[in-house]
Amino acid sequence: MSWPAFLDAVQERGSYRSPHEAERAARTVLALLGAHLVGKDRSELAAKLPDTFALILLNPLQAAEPLSPERFVRATAAWIEGATEQTASWDVGAVLSVAADAAGEDLTQRLLLQLPPGYDLLFGHPVLPRPPADSDTKQP
């Protein structure tokens, strides 16, 4: 995905007033995300992003432990000057949903397997719970 296309999509989804705001959110969210992804899936996602964002994803901020989705949003808020958890949630959703679109369904699912439960909502790809295997009971 090209730089202008990625930033335009983030700006539109995030309802940002300027490309600068969209870029700030993308840089922060992708740096935090990169700390939680490993291996060829991270490299494959990076290959689908504009070069600058690919480098950010591949050279992430350091994470001591995997962050829950809630803590990921709080960490994003801490890195963006003037952000609140509510605005950071908006930032995360805008950036990760565009990244998911660039990645495609298969790669997005593989990325979600590396992350703690609940990230599917941040990526805008909610996973529907499957019925239990023994739910063969029929109602009258």
C-alpha atoms as a PDB file:
ATOM      1  CA  MET A   1       0.000   0.000   0.000  1.00  0.00           C
ATOM      2  CA  SER A   2       1.369   3.408  -0.887  1.00  0.00           C
ATOM      3  CA  TRP A   3       2.125   6.130   1.673  1.00  0.00           C
ATOM      4  CA  PRO A   4      -0.665   8.457   0.450  1.00  0.00           C
ATOM      5  CA  ALA A   5      -3.237   5.643   0.283  1.00  0.00           C
ATOM      6  CA  PHE A   6      -2.403   4.399   3.781  1.00  0.00           C
ATOM      7  CA  LEU A   7      -2.423   7.869   5.333  1.00  0.00           C
ATOM      8  CA  ASP A   8      -5.596   8.870   3.486  1.00  0.00           C
ATOM      9  CA  ALA A   9      -7.364   5.750   4.781  1.00  0.00           C
ATOM     10  CA  VAL A  10      -6.183   6.353   8.368  1.00  0.00           C
ATOM     11  CA  GLN A  11      -7.145  10.022   8.139  1.00  0.00           C
ATOM     12  CA  GLU A  12     -10.603   9.132   6.851  1.00  0.00           C
ATOM     13  CA  ARG A  13     -11.284   6.371   9.398  1.00  0.00           C
ATOM     14  CA  GLY A  14      -9.921   8.428  12.257  1.00  0.00           C
ATOM     15  CA  SER A  15     -11.676  11.610  11.118  1.00  0.00           C
ATOM     16  CA  TYR A  16      -8.398  13.451  11.568  1.00  0.00           C
ATOM     17  CA  ARG A  17      -8.197  17.077  10.502  1.00  0.00           C
ATOM     18  CA  SER A  18      -4.763  16.667   8.922  1.00  0.00           C
ATOM     19  CA  PRO A  19      -2.452  14.025   7.500  1.00  0.00           C
ATOM     20  CA  HIS A  20      -0.041  14.949  10.315  1.00  0.00           C
ATOM     21  CA  GLU A  21      -2.522  13.712  12.943  1.00  0.00           C
ATOM     22  CA  ALA A  22      -3.061  10.487  10.988  1.00  0.00           C
ATOM     23  CA  GLU A  23       0.699   9.963  10.670  1.00  0.00           C
ATOM     24  CA  ARG A  24       1.255  10.543  14.399  1.00  0.00           C
ATOM     25  CA  ALA A  25      -1.363   7.924  15.254  1.00  0.00           C
ATOM     26  CA  ALA A  26       0.007   5.454  12.699  1.00  0.00           C
ATOM     27  CA  ARG A  27       3.596   5.802  13.906  1.00  0.00           C
ATOM     28  CA  THR A  28       2.636   5.243  17.552  1.00  0.00           C
ATOM     29  CA  VAL A  29       0.209   2.369  17.013  1.00  0.00           C
ATOM     30  CA  LEU A  30       2.498   0.504  14.605  1.00  0.00           C
ATOM     31  CA  ALA A  31       5.493   0.914  16.936  1.00  0.00           C
ATOM     32  CA  LEU A  32       3.506  -0.604  19.790  1.00  0.00           C
ATOM     33  CA  LEU A  33       2.076  -3.338  17.564  1.00  0.00           C
ATOM     34  CA  GLY A  34       5.526  -4.291  16.301  1.00  0.00           C
ATOM     35  CA  ALA A  35       6.585  -5.092  19.865  1.00  0.00           C
ATOM     36  CA  HIS A  36       3.868  -7.752  20.009  1.00  0.00           C
ATOM     37  CA  LEU A  37       4.435  -9.481  16.690  1.00  0.00           C
ATOM     38  CA  VAL A  38       7.246 -11.789  15.701  1.00  0.00           C
ATOM     39  CA  GLY A  39       8.568 -13.777  12.812  1.00  0.00           C
ATOM     40  CA  LYS A  40       7.436 -13.943   9.252  1.00  0.00           C
ATOM     41  CA  ASP A  41       3.939 -12.634  10.016  1.00  0.00           C
ATOM     42  CA  ARG A  42       5.393  -9.333  11.231  1.00  0.00           C
ATOM     43  CA  SER A  43       7.671  -9.202   8.177  1.00  0.00           C
ATOM     44  CA  GLU A  44       4.774 -10.034   5.871  1.00  0.00           C
ATOM     45  CA  LEU A  45       2.669  -7.220   7.342  1.00  0.00           C
ATOM     46  CA  ALA A  46       5.609  -4.821   7.033  1.00  0.00           C
ATOM     47  CA  ALA A  47       5.915  -5.711   3.340  1.00  0.00           C
ATOM     48  CA  LYS A  48       2.322  -4.585   2.815  1.00  0.00           C
ATOM     49  CA  LEU A  49       2.827  -1.187   4.486  1.00  0.00           C
ATOM     50  CA  PRO A  50       4.551   1.965   3.192  1.00  0.00           C
ATOM     51  CA  ASP A  51       8.322   1.790   3.772  1.00  0.00           C
ATOM     52  CA  THR A  52       8.414   4.275   6.658  1.00  0.00           C
ATOM     53  CA  PHE A  53       5.695   2.411   8.545  1.00  0.00           C
ATOM     54  CA  ALA A  54       7.293  -0.940   7.716  1.00  0.00           C
ATOM     55  CA  LEU A  55      10.515   0.214   9.386  1.00  0.00           C
ATOM     56  CA  ILE A  56       8.583   1.365  12.438  1.00  0.00           C
ATOM     57  CA  LEU A  57       6.837  -2.010  12.666  1.00  0.00           C
ATOM     58  CA  LEU A  58      10.118  -3.900  12.270  1.00  0.00           C
ATOM     59  CA  ASN A  59      11.994  -1.718  14.816  1.00  0.00           C
ATOM     60  CA  PRO A  60       9.359  -1.486  17.532  1.00  0.00           C
ATOM     61  CA  LEU A  61       9.206  -0.021  20.972  1.00  0.00           C
ATOM     62  CA  GLN A  62      10.247  -2.596  23.550  1.00  0.00           C
ATOM     63  CA  ALA A  63       7.522  -4.456  25.432  1.00  0.00           C
ATOM     64  CA  ALA A  64       8.238  -6.327  28.647  1.00  0.00           C
ATOM     65  CA  GLU A  65       5.075  -8.400  28.277  1.00  0.00           C
ATOM     66  CA  PRO A  66       2.139  -8.762  25.908  1.00  0.00           C
ATOM     67  CA  LEU A  67      -0.389  -6.039  26.524  1.00  0.00           C
ATOM     68  CA  SER A  68      -4.077  -6.754  26.772  1.00  0.00           C
ATOM     69  CA  PRO A  69      -6.155  -4.699  24.323  1.00  0.00           C
ATOM     70  CA  GLU A  70      -7.067  -2.307  27.132  1.00  0.00           C
ATOM     71  CA  ARG A  71      -3.435  -1.813  28.137  1.00  0.00           C
ATOM     72  CA  PHE A  72      -2.459  -1.400  24.464  1.00  0.00           C
ATOM     73  CA  VAL A  73      -4.921   1.500  24.227  1.00  0.00           C
ATOM     74  CA  ARG A  74      -3.592   3.000  27.475  1.00  0.00           C
ATOM     75  CA  ALA A  75      -0.016   2.692  26.189  1.00  0.00           C
ATOM     76  CA  THR A  76      -1.053   4.430  22.976  1.00  0.00           C
ATOM     77  CA  ALA A  77      -2.598   7.251  25.018  1.00  0.00           C
ATOM     78  CA  ALA A  78       0.643   7.586  26.984  1.00  0.00           C
ATOM     79  CA  TRP A  79       2.700   7.990  23.789  1.00  0.00           C
ATOM     80  CA  ILE A  80       0.448  10.535  22.066  1.00  0.00           C
ATOM     81  CA  GLU A  81       0.608  13.983  23.602  1.00  0.00           C
ATOM     82  CA  GLY A  82      -2.796  15.153  24.817  1.00  0.00           C
ATOM     83  CA  ALA A  83      -4.478  11.811  24.122  1.00  0.00           C
ATOM     84  CA  THR A  84      -7.013  10.207  26.417  1.00  0.00           C
ATOM     85  CA  GLU A  85      -7.929   6.536  26.516  1.00  0.00           C
ATOM     86  CA  GLN A  86     -11.020   7.378  24.480  1.00  0.00           C
ATOM     87  CA  THR A  87      -9.097   9.211  21.741  1.00  0.00           C
ATOM     88  CA  ALA A  88      -6.369   6.554  21.796  1.00  0.00           C
ATOM     89  CA  SER A  89      -8.985   3.863  21.259  1.00  0.00           C
ATOM     90  CA  TRP A  90     -10.111   5.790  18.189  1.00  0.00           C
ATOM     91  CA  ASP A  91      -6.474   6.068  17.006  1.00  0.00           C
ATOM     92  CA  VAL A  92      -5.826   2.360  17.482  1.00  0.00           C
ATOM     93  CA  GLY A  93      -9.001   1.361  15.651  1.00  0.00           C
ATOM     94  CA  ALA A  94      -8.294   3.671  12.710  1.00  0.00           C
ATOM     95  CA  VAL A  95      -4.709   2.490  12.235  1.00  0.00           C
ATOM     96  CA  LEU A  96      -5.222  -1.219  12.887  1.00  0.00           C
ATOM     97  CA  SER A  97      -8.288  -1.472  10.659  1.00  0.00           C
ATOM     98  CA  VAL A  98      -6.328   0.062   7.762  1.00  0.00           C
ATOM     99  CA  ALA A  99      -3.399  -2.267   8.507  1.00  0.00           C
ATOM    100  CA  ALA A 100      -5.836  -5.210   8.491  1.00  0.00           C
ATOM    101  CA  ASP A 101      -7.173  -4.126   5.109  1.00  0.00           C
ATOM    102  CA  ALA A 102      -3.619  -3.938   3.761  1.00  0.00           C
ATOM    103  CA  ALA A 103      -2.772  -7.323   5.280  1.00  0.00           C
ATOM    104  CA  GLY A 104      -5.801  -9.208   4.011  1.00  0.00           C
ATOM    105  CA  GLU A 105      -7.940 -11.698   5.904  1.00  0.00           C
ATOM    106  CA  ASP A 106      -5.471 -14.614   6.098  1.00  0.00           C
ATOM    107  CA  LEU A 107      -2.558 -12.586   7.456  1.00  0.00           C
ATOM    108  CA  THR A 108      -4.820 -10.650   9.817  1.00  0.00           C
ATOM    109  CA  GLN A 109      -6.043 -13.926  11.316  1.00  0.00           C
ATOM    110  CA  ARG A 110      -2.457 -15.126  11.770  1.00  0.00           C
ATOM    111  CA  LEU A 111      -1.539 -11.825  13.440  1.00  0.00           C
ATOM    112  CA  LEU A 112      -4.489 -12.118  15.803  1.00  0.00           C
ATOM    113  CA  LEU A 113      -3.250 -15.564  16.879  1.00  0.00           C
ATOM    114  CA  GLN A 114      -0.060 -13.893  18.162  1.00  0.00           C
ATOM    115  CA  LEU A 115      -1.955 -11.324  20.222  1.00  0.00           C
ATOM    116  CA  PRO A 116      -3.925 -11.626  23.456  1.00  0.00           C
ATOM    117  CA  PRO A 117      -7.702 -12.139  23.104  1.00  0.00           C
ATOM    118  CA  GLY A 118      -9.671  -9.025  22.225  1.00  0.00           C
ATOM    119  CA  TYR A 119      -7.399  -7.554  19.563  1.00  0.00           C
ATOM    120  CA  ASP A 120      -9.855  -8.702  16.900  1.00  0.00           C
ATOM    121  CA  LEU A 121     -12.057  -5.758  17.887  1.00  0.00           C
ATOM    122  CA  LEU A 122      -9.156  -3.313  17.662  1.00  0.00           C
ATOM    123  CA  PHE A 123      -8.437  -4.533  14.132  1.00  0.00           C
ATOM    124  CA  GLY A 124     -12.104  -4.178  13.209  1.00  0.00           C
ATOM    125  CA  HIS A 125     -12.359  -7.926  12.564  1.00  0.00           C
ATOM    126  CA  PRO A 126     -14.434  -9.326  15.402  1.00  0.00           C
ATOM    127  CA  VAL A 127     -14.210 -13.065  15.735  1.00  0.00           C
ATOM    128  CA  LEU A 128     -17.587 -14.614  16.353  1.00  0.00           C
ATOM    129  CA  PRO A 129     -17.563 -17.244  19.071  1.00  0.00           C
ATOM    130  CA  ARG A 130     -18.122 -20.756  17.833  1.00  0.00           C
ATOM    131  CA  PRO A 131     -20.861 -22.857  19.394  1.00  0.00           C
ATOM    132  CA  PRO A 132     -19.598 -25.637  21.664  1.00  0.00           C
ATOM    133  CA  ALA A 133     -18.852 -28.898  19.881  1.00  0.00           C
ATOM    134  CA  ASP A 134     -21.493 -30.736  21.912  1.00  0.00           C
ATOM    135  CA  SER A 135     -24.336 -28.356  21.003  1.00  0.00           C
ATOM    136  CA  ASP A 136     -26.190 -30.975  19.005  1.00  0.00           C
ATOM    137  CA  THR A 137     -29.216 -30.652  21.194  1.00  0.00           C
ATOM    138  CA  LYS A 138     -32.271 -29.571  19.273  1.00  0.00           C
ATOM    139  CA  GLN A 139     -35.009 -27.510  20.675  1.00  0.00           C
ATOM    140  CA  PRO A 140     -38.563 -28.759  20.316  1.00  0.00           C
END
